[in-house]
Amino acid sequence: MAIANFLNQVKASGGKLFLQFGGQGSPFLKELSKLYESEPSLKEFFDISFKAIAEEIPRLDTNIIYGGYDFESWIKNPDSAPDENYLCSAPVSIVGIFIAQIGNYLAFTNKGFPVSELISNSIGVTGHSQGVISSALIALGKDGADFHSAYAKFLK
């Protein structure tokens, strides 16, 4: 994979990157649907996401998760999703935002920012609120199958 010009410039200047993941606020379902449709390189990521969530559904408390947890259907057909109030509830939005952030991170690494280069040229990673989960996963510096395995564990 070719390394993005921006990353080459950072390396050449001796600069370092700092990765940051935000918290609530973005419409994660719209973002996930867009990623699902426009980033074929994320097929394995979405398959892992859907499988991990499906494995957890039997353990969910239906008093809290009263509107279901069918992220796969919601992402593939956003009109089938519950109302925005439900999607913004913490038990749902934490998962949705995490998937959106990691999906965007993987799309980023696929566009000239390989994990090994990105991590070695960064001085840190942080997250605010719900972004803490994503930053903890990225801080592991894993790639490929090791990353996907860690991601599935974090998602559960």
Protein backbone atom coordinates (compact mmCIF):
# COMPACT_ATOMS: atom_id res chain seq x y z
CA MET A 1 0.00 0.00 0.00
CA ALA A 2 1.27 3.45 -0.86
CA ILE A 3 1.73 5.73 2.10
CA ALA A 4 -0.31 8.94 2.01
CA ASN A 5 1.62 12.12 1.20
CA PHE A 6 0.48 13.67 4.47
CA LEU A 7 2.03 10.84 6.49
CA ASN A 8 5.25 11.10 4.47
CA GLN A 9 5.36 14.83 5.21
CA VAL A 10 4.88 14.19 8.93
CA LYS A 11 7.74 11.69 8.87
CA ALA A 12 10.02 13.97 6.86
CA SER A 13 9.43 16.92 9.18
CA GLY A 14 10.00 14.86 12.32
CA GLY A 15 6.47 15.68 13.46
CA LYS A 16 4.14 13.31 15.23
CA LEU A 17 0.41 12.69 15.08
CA PHE A 18 -2.01 12.54 17.99
CA LEU A 19 -5.13 10.46 17.40
CA GLN A 20 -8.37 11.53 19.06
CA PHE A 21 -11.83 9.95 19.16
CA GLY A 22 -14.84 12.04 20.14
CA GLY A 23 -17.90 11.15 22.15
CA GLN A 24 -21.60 11.49 21.49
CA GLY A 25 -22.99 13.88 18.97
CA SER A 26 -22.68 12.35 15.54
CA PRO A 27 -25.55 10.48 13.91
CA PHE A 28 -23.78 7.13 14.00
CA LEU A 29 -26.39 5.19 12.04
CA LYS A 30 -26.17 7.53 9.05
CA GLU A 31 -22.37 7.29 9.22
CA LEU A 32 -22.44 3.49 9.43
CA SER A 33 -24.86 3.16 6.52
CA LYS A 34 -22.61 5.40 4.43
CA LEU A 35 -19.52 3.36 5.33
CA TYR A 36 -21.34 0.10 4.62
CA GLU A 37 -22.40 1.30 1.18
CA SER A 38 -19.24 3.13 0.13
CA GLU A 39 -16.35 1.12 1.59
CA PRO A 40 -16.29 -2.45 0.20
CA SER A 41 -12.94 -2.96 1.93
CA LEU A 42 -14.85 -2.96 5.24
CA LYS A 43 -16.93 -6.07 4.46
CA GLU A 44 -14.99 -8.26 6.89
CA PHE A 45 -15.22 -5.56 9.57
CA PHE A 46 -19.00 -5.38 9.22
CA ASP A 47 -19.33 -9.17 9.16
CA ILE A 48 -17.33 -9.37 12.42
CA SER A 49 -19.45 -6.58 13.92
CA PHE A 50 -22.76 -8.23 13.04
CA LYS A 51 -21.58 -11.63 14.30
CA ALA A 52 -20.28 -10.26 17.62
CA ILE A 53 -23.51 -8.36 18.26
CA ALA A 54 -25.67 -11.37 17.33
CA GLU A 55 -23.74 -13.47 19.86
CA GLU A 56 -24.54 -10.97 22.61
CA ILE A 57 -28.26 -10.54 21.91
CA PRO A 58 -29.37 -13.51 24.08
CA ARG A 59 -27.65 -11.90 27.10
CA LEU A 60 -29.28 -8.48 26.72
CA ASP A 61 -31.80 -7.19 29.26
CA THR A 62 -34.96 -6.50 27.25
CA ASN A 63 -36.11 -4.03 29.92
CA ILE A 64 -33.20 -1.82 28.87
CA ILE A 65 -32.84 -2.88 25.22
CA TYR A 66 -36.58 -2.76 24.55
CA GLY A 67 -36.27 -1.65 20.91
CA GLY A 68 -34.03 -4.45 19.76
CA TYR A 69 -30.37 -4.55 18.83
CA ASP A 70 -30.48 -5.30 15.12
CA PHE A 71 -27.58 -3.15 13.98
CA GLU A 72 -27.25 -5.18 10.80
CA SER A 73 -30.79 -4.40 9.65
CA TRP A 74 -30.53 -0.79 10.76
CA ILE A 75 -27.27 -0.25 8.87
CA LYS A 76 -28.48 -1.97 5.72
CA ASN A 77 -31.88 -0.26 5.87
CA PRO A 78 -31.84 2.86 8.10
CA ASP A 79 -35.61 3.28 7.69
CA SER A 80 -36.05 0.10 9.75
CA ALA A 81 -34.24 1.60 12.76
CA PRO A 82 -35.99 2.64 15.96
CA ASP A 83 -36.55 6.32 16.72
CA GLU A 84 -33.67 8.68 17.44
CA ASN A 85 -34.35 8.76 21.20
CA TYR A 86 -33.76 5.02 21.39
CA LEU A 87 -30.66 5.18 19.19
CA CYS A 88 -29.25 7.93 21.43
CA SER A 89 -29.70 5.88 24.60
CA ALA A 90 -26.36 4.83 26.08
CA PRO A 91 -26.76 1.04 25.68
CA VAL A 92 -27.32 1.54 21.95
CA SER A 93 -25.24 4.61 21.12
CA ILE A 94 -22.10 3.34 22.84
CA VAL A 95 -22.05 0.36 20.49
CA GLY A 96 -23.08 2.38 17.43
CA ILE A 97 -20.50 5.10 17.97
CA PHE A 98 -17.78 2.52 18.65
CA ILE A 99 -18.54 0.69 15.39
CA ALA A 100 -18.63 3.99 13.45
CA GLN A 101 -15.33 5.18 14.91
CA ILE A 102 -13.53 1.91 14.27
CA GLY A 103 -15.03 1.64 10.78
CA ASN A 104 -13.74 5.13 9.97
CA TYR A 105 -10.35 4.28 11.47
CA LEU A 106 -10.09 1.18 9.27
CA ALA A 107 -11.19 3.12 6.18
CA PHE A 108 -8.48 5.67 7.05
CA THR A 109 -5.80 2.97 7.38
CA ASN A 110 -6.88 1.57 4.01
CA LYS A 111 -6.21 4.92 2.33
CA GLY A 112 -2.48 5.22 2.78
CA PHE A 113 -2.18 5.23 6.55
CA PRO A 114 -1.08 1.67 7.37
CA VAL A 115 -1.38 0.82 11.07
CA SER A 116 2.35 0.25 11.58
CA GLU A 117 3.18 3.65 10.05
CA LEU A 118 0.31 5.42 11.76
CA ILE A 119 1.20 4.10 15.22
CA SER A 120 4.95 4.62 14.84
CA ASN A 121 4.34 8.23 13.79
CA SER A 122 1.92 9.04 16.61
CA ILE A 123 2.71 10.23 20.10
CA GLY A 124 -0.60 9.23 21.59
CA VAL A 125 -4.25 8.45 21.29
CA THR A 126 -7.13 9.64 23.41
CA GLY A 127 -10.88 9.60 23.50
CA HIS A 128 -13.59 11.73 25.01
CA SER A 129 -16.57 10.02 26.62
CA GLN A 130 -17.61 7.20 24.27
CA GLY A 131 -14.40 7.70 22.29
CA VAL A 132 -12.37 6.26 25.19
CA ILE A 133 -13.30 2.74 24.08
CA SER A 134 -12.06 3.30 20.54
CA SER A 135 -8.86 4.96 21.71
CA ALA A 136 -8.10 2.03 24.02
CA LEU A 137 -8.47 -0.43 21.14
CA ILE A 138 -6.32 1.64 18.77
CA ALA A 139 -3.65 2.09 21.47
CA LEU A 140 -3.07 -1.67 21.32
CA GLY A 141 -1.45 -1.10 17.91
CA LYS A 142 -2.87 -4.31 16.46
CA ASP A 143 -3.43 -4.98 12.78
CA GLY A 144 -5.14 -7.59 10.62
CA ALA A 145 -6.58 -10.69 12.31
CA ASP A 146 -5.20 -9.66 15.71
CA PHE A 147 -7.02 -6.34 15.42
CA HIS A 148 -10.28 -7.99 14.36
CA SER A 149 -10.08 -10.41 17.28
CA ALA A 150 -9.47 -7.60 19.78
CA TYR A 151 -12.23 -5.51 18.16
CA ALA A 152 -14.78 -8.31 18.54
CA LYS A 153 -13.86 -8.65 22.23
CA PHE A 154 -14.18 -4.90 22.79
CA LEU A 155 -17.52 -4.87 20.97
CA LYS A 156 -18.91 -7.58 23.22
